[in-house]
Amino acid sequence: MKTFLNSPIKESTRGILYLCEYNYREQTIRVVREIQFDNPGDALNAYANIHNPESQMAMGKTELQFLDDLTTLHANLNNPKWVQSLRDYL
């Protein structure tokens, strides 16, 4: 599996933070940067402290949990209805 920006995912990765930009007029989202974490707690801490409300995160204690959460996040980022619903929270 690869990241949303098509980068390889390290085997030790258990969390990923996508820094995103949301276009309110077109109601679209664009991933502009990604950061991989070996520890899901570090991913959560970075997500909680980032000054970018459009950011998205996936994490899991195990590789399987992480990849499952990441698969769901990728599906959501490609789902126009889900992306449009973000505007209510941003």
N, C-alpha and C. Protein backbone atom coordinates (compact mmCIF):
# COMPACT_ATOMS: atom_id res chain seq x y z
N MET A 1 0.86 -1.18 0.00
CA MET A 1 0.00 0.00 0.00
C MET A 1 0.90 1.24 0.00
N LYS A 2 0.36 2.31 -0.57
CA LYS A 2 1.08 3.59 -0.64
C LYS A 2 0.26 4.67 0.05
N THR A 3 0.92 5.79 0.32
CA THR A 3 0.23 6.93 0.91
C THR A 3 -0.66 7.59 -0.14
N PHE A 4 -1.43 8.57 0.28
CA PHE A 4 -2.32 9.27 -0.65
C PHE A 4 -1.52 9.99 -1.72
N LEU A 5 -0.29 10.41 -1.39
CA LEU A 5 0.58 11.07 -2.37
C LEU A 5 1.47 10.06 -3.10
N ASN A 6 1.13 8.78 -2.96
CA ASN A 6 1.80 7.70 -3.68
C ASN A 6 3.23 7.43 -3.20
N SER A 7 3.53 7.75 -1.96
CA SER A 7 4.83 7.43 -1.38
C SER A 7 4.76 6.04 -0.74
N PRO A 8 5.88 5.33 -0.70
CA PRO A 8 5.86 4.03 -0.02
C PRO A 8 5.65 4.20 1.48
N ILE A 9 4.95 3.27 2.08
CA ILE A 9 4.73 3.29 3.52
C ILE A 9 5.75 2.35 4.15
N LYS A 10 6.50 2.89 5.11
CA LYS A 10 7.48 2.07 5.81
C LYS A 10 6.76 0.96 6.59
N GLU A 11 7.39 -0.17 6.70
CA GLU A 11 6.79 -1.30 7.42
C GLU A 11 6.52 -0.97 8.88
N SER A 12 7.30 -0.09 9.46
CA SER A 12 7.15 0.26 10.87
C SER A 12 6.10 1.35 11.11
N THR A 13 5.54 1.92 10.07
CA THR A 13 4.59 3.02 10.22
C THR A 13 3.30 2.54 10.89
N ARG A 14 2.87 3.29 11.91
CA ARG A 14 1.61 2.99 12.60
C ARG A 14 0.70 4.21 12.66
N GLY A 15 1.13 5.30 12.02
CA GLY A 15 0.31 6.49 11.96
C GLY A 15 0.77 7.39 10.84
N ILE A 16 -0.18 8.09 10.26
CA ILE A 16 0.17 9.03 9.18
C ILE A 16 -0.70 10.27 9.34
N LEU A 17 -0.08 11.41 9.14
CA LEU A 17 -0.77 12.70 9.21
C LEU A 17 -0.71 13.32 7.83
N TYR A 18 -1.88 13.61 7.29
CA TYR A 18 -1.97 14.30 6.01
C TYR A 18 -2.31 15.76 6.28
N LEU A 19 -1.43 16.66 5.85
CA LEU A 19 -1.72 18.09 5.92
C LEU A 19 -2.46 18.44 4.65
N CYS A 20 -3.63 19.00 4.82
CA CYS A 20 -4.53 19.21 3.68
C CYS A 20 -4.95 20.66 3.54
N GLU A 21 -5.42 20.98 2.35
CA GLU A 21 -6.05 22.28 2.07
C GLU A 21 -7.45 22.00 1.57
N TYR A 22 -8.42 22.68 2.15
CA TYR A 22 -9.82 22.51 1.76
C TYR A 22 -10.24 23.71 0.95
N ASN A 23 -10.81 23.47 -0.22
CA ASN A 23 -11.32 24.53 -1.08
C ASN A 23 -12.82 24.66 -0.81
N TYR A 24 -13.21 25.74 -0.13
CA TYR A 24 -14.60 25.92 0.28
C TYR A 24 -15.52 26.17 -0.92
N ARG A 25 -15.03 26.85 -1.92
CA ARG A 25 -15.86 27.15 -3.08
C ARG A 25 -16.20 25.88 -3.86
N GLU A 26 -15.19 25.05 -4.08
CA GLU A 26 -15.40 23.82 -4.85
C GLU A 26 -15.70 22.61 -3.96
N GLN A 27 -15.54 22.78 -2.65
CA GLN A 27 -15.75 21.72 -1.67
C GLN A 27 -14.91 20.49 -2.01
N THR A 28 -13.61 20.74 -2.16
CA THR A 28 -12.65 19.67 -2.43
C THR A 28 -11.52 19.76 -1.42
N ILE A 29 -10.79 18.68 -1.29
CA ILE A 29 -9.65 18.64 -0.37
C ILE A 29 -8.43 18.16 -1.14
N ARG A 30 -7.28 18.70 -0.76
CA ARG A 30 -6.02 18.33 -1.42
C ARG A 30 -4.99 18.07 -0.34
N VAL A 31 -4.36 16.90 -0.40
CA VAL A 31 -3.27 16.57 0.51
C VAL A 31 -2.02 17.25 -0.01
N VAL A 32 -1.40 18.08 0.82
CA VAL A 32 -0.22 18.82 0.38
C VAL A 32 1.08 18.29 0.99
N ARG A 33 0.96 17.55 2.10
CA ARG A 33 2.14 17.00 2.76
C ARG A 33 1.70 15.84 3.62
N GLU A 34 2.61 14.92 3.84
CA GLU A 34 2.30 13.78 4.69
C GLU A 34 3.49 13.46 5.59
N ILE A 35 3.19 13.00 6.80
CA ILE A 35 4.23 12.65 7.75
C ILE A 35 3.88 11.27 8.31
N GLN A 36 4.84 10.35 8.25
CA GLN A 36 4.64 9.01 8.78
C GLN A 36 5.24 8.91 10.18
N PHE A 37 4.58 8.13 11.04
CA PHE A 37 5.01 7.93 12.42
C PHE A 37 5.08 6.45 12.73
N ASP A 38 6.10 6.06 13.48
CA ASP A 38 6.23 4.67 13.92
C ASP A 38 5.35 4.38 15.13
N ASN A 39 4.92 5.42 15.83
CA ASN A 39 4.13 5.28 17.04
C ASN A 39 2.79 5.99 16.83
N PRO A 40 1.66 5.29 17.01
CA PRO A 40 0.37 5.96 16.81
C PRO A 40 0.15 7.13 17.76
N GLY A 41 0.72 7.06 18.95
CA GLY A 41 0.59 8.17 19.90
C GLY A 41 1.26 9.43 19.39
N ASP A 42 2.40 9.27 18.74
CA ASP A 42 3.09 10.42 18.16
C ASP A 42 2.26 11.04 17.04
N ALA A 43 1.59 10.20 16.26
CA ALA A 43 0.72 10.70 15.18
C ALA A 43 -0.44 11.49 15.77
N LEU A 44 -1.05 10.94 16.81
CA LEU A 44 -2.17 11.62 17.46
C LEU A 44 -1.73 12.95 18.08
N ASN A 45 -0.57 12.97 18.70
CA ASN A 45 -0.05 14.20 19.30
C ASN A 45 0.20 15.26 18.22
N ALA A 46 0.79 14.86 17.11
CA ALA A 46 1.04 15.82 16.02
C ALA A 46 -0.28 16.35 15.46
N TYR A 47 -1.25 15.46 15.28
CA TYR A 47 -2.56 15.85 14.76
C TYR A 47 -3.24 16.84 15.71
N ALA A 48 -3.15 16.56 17.00
CA ALA A 48 -3.81 17.42 17.99
C ALA A 48 -3.16 18.80 18.08
N ASN A 49 -1.90 18.90 17.73
CA ASN A 49 -1.17 20.15 17.89
C ASN A 49 -0.92 20.89 16.58
N ILE A 50 -1.43 20.39 15.49
CA ILE A 50 -1.22 21.05 14.19
C ILE A 50 -2.26 22.17 14.04
N HIS A 51 -1.83 23.28 13.52
CA HIS A 51 -2.73 24.42 13.32
C HIS A 51 -3.28 24.39 11.91
N ASN A 52 -3.90 23.28 11.57
CA ASN A 52 -4.47 23.09 10.25
C ASN A 52 -5.71 22.22 10.41
N PRO A 53 -6.90 22.81 10.55
CA PRO A 53 -8.10 22.02 10.81
C PRO A 53 -8.47 21.07 9.67
N GLU A 54 -7.93 21.28 8.49
CA GLU A 54 -8.23 20.39 7.36
C GLU A 54 -7.44 19.08 7.43
N SER A 55 -6.45 19.00 8.30
CA SER A 55 -5.59 17.82 8.39
C SER A 55 -6.40 16.57 8.67
N GLN A 56 -5.89 15.44 8.20
CA GLN A 56 -6.53 14.15 8.41
C GLN A 56 -5.47 13.18 8.92
N MET A 57 -5.91 12.15 9.66
CA MET A 57 -4.97 11.24 10.28
C MET A 57 -5.53 9.83 10.26
N ALA A 58 -4.62 8.87 10.12
CA ALA A 58 -4.94 7.45 10.28
C ALA A 58 -3.90 6.85 11.20
N MET A 59 -4.34 5.89 12.04
CA MET A 59 -3.38 5.26 12.96
C MET A 59 -3.92 3.92 13.42
N GLY A 60 -3.04 3.12 14.00
CA GLY A 60 -3.43 1.84 14.56
C GLY A 60 -2.30 1.25 15.38
N LYS A 61 -2.64 0.48 16.39
CA LYS A 61 -1.61 -0.14 17.24
C LYS A 61 -0.85 -1.22 16.49
N THR A 62 -1.53 -1.89 15.57
CA THR A 62 -0.88 -2.93 14.77
C THR A 62 -0.86 -2.49 13.31
N GLU A 63 -0.05 -3.17 12.52
CA GLU A 63 0.01 -2.85 11.10
C GLU A 63 -1.36 -3.03 10.45
N LEU A 64 -2.06 -4.10 10.80
CA LEU A 64 -3.38 -4.36 10.22
C LEU A 64 -4.38 -3.27 10.58
N GLN A 65 -4.39 -2.85 11.85
CA GLN A 65 -5.30 -1.78 12.27
C GLN A 65 -4.98 -0.48 11.55
N PHE A 66 -3.69 -0.18 11.44
CA PHE A 66 -3.28 1.04 10.75
C PHE A 66 -3.71 1.01 9.29
N LEU A 67 -3.43 -0.08 8.60
CA LEU A 67 -3.76 -0.17 7.18
C LEU A 67 -5.28 -0.15 6.96
N ASP A 68 -6.04 -0.71 7.88
CA ASP A 68 -7.49 -0.66 7.79
C ASP A 68 -7.98 0.78 7.92
N ASP A 69 -7.44 1.50 8.92
CA ASP A 69 -7.83 2.90 9.13
C ASP A 69 -7.39 3.76 7.94
N LEU A 70 -6.22 3.48 7.40
CA LEU A 70 -5.72 4.24 6.25
C LEU A 70 -6.56 3.98 5.00
N THR A 71 -6.96 2.74 4.80
CA THR A 71 -7.83 2.41 3.67
C THR A 71 -9.15 3.17 3.75
N THR A 72 -9.71 3.24 4.95
CA THR A 72 -10.95 4.00 5.16
C THR A 72 -10.73 5.48 4.88
N LEU A 73 -9.63 6.03 5.38
CA LEU A 73 -9.34 7.45 5.15
C LEU A 73 -9.17 7.73 3.66
N HIS A 74 -8.44 6.89 2.95
CA HIS A 74 -8.27 7.09 1.50
C HIS A 74 -9.62 7.04 0.79
N ALA A 75 -10.48 6.11 1.17
CA ALA A 75 -11.81 6.03 0.56
C ALA A 75 -12.60 7.31 0.84
N ASN A 76 -12.51 7.82 2.06
CA ASN A 76 -13.21 9.06 2.40
C ASN A 76 -12.67 10.24 1.61
N LEU A 77 -11.36 10.34 1.48
CA LEU A 77 -10.77 11.46 0.74
C LEU A 77 -11.17 11.43 -0.74
N ASN A 78 -11.53 10.27 -1.24
CA ASN A 78 -11.98 10.13 -2.63
C ASN A 78 -13.49 10.16 -2.77
N ASN A 79 -14.20 10.39 -1.67
CA ASN A 79 -15.66 10.41 -1.67
C ASN A 79 -16.14 11.86 -1.61
N PRO A 80 -16.65 12.40 -2.72
CA PRO A 80 -17.06 13.81 -2.74
C PRO A 80 -18.08 14.18 -1.66
N LYS A 81 -19.01 13.29 -1.35
CA LYS A 81 -20.00 13.61 -0.31
C LYS A 81 -19.34 13.74 1.06
N TRP A 82 -18.38 12.86 1.36
CA TRP A 82 -17.68 12.94 2.64
C TRP A 82 -16.86 14.23 2.69
N VAL A 83 -16.15 14.53 1.61
CA VAL A 83 -15.33 15.75 1.56
C VAL A 83 -16.21 16.98 1.73
N GLN A 84 -17.36 17.02 1.06
CA GLN A 84 -18.26 18.15 1.18
C GLN A 84 -18.77 18.32 2.62
N SER A 85 -18.96 17.19 3.31
CA SER A 85 -19.45 17.28 4.69
C SER A 85 -18.44 17.89 5.64
N LEU A 86 -17.17 17.91 5.28
CA LEU A 86 -16.14 18.49 6.14
C LEU A 86 -16.37 19.97 6.39
N ARG A 87 -16.94 20.67 5.42
CA ARG A 87 -17.12 22.12 5.57
C ARG A 87 -17.91 22.48 6.82
N ASP A 88 -18.78 21.56 7.27
CA ASP A 88 -19.56 21.82 8.47
C ASP A 88 -18.72 21.80 9.74
N TYR A 89 -17.51 21.24 9.65
CA TYR A 89 -16.65 21.10 10.82
C TYR A 89 -15.40 21.99 10.75
N LEU A 90 -15.18 22.65 9.63
CA LEU A 90 -13.97 23.46 9.47
C LEU A 90 -14.23 24.92 9.74
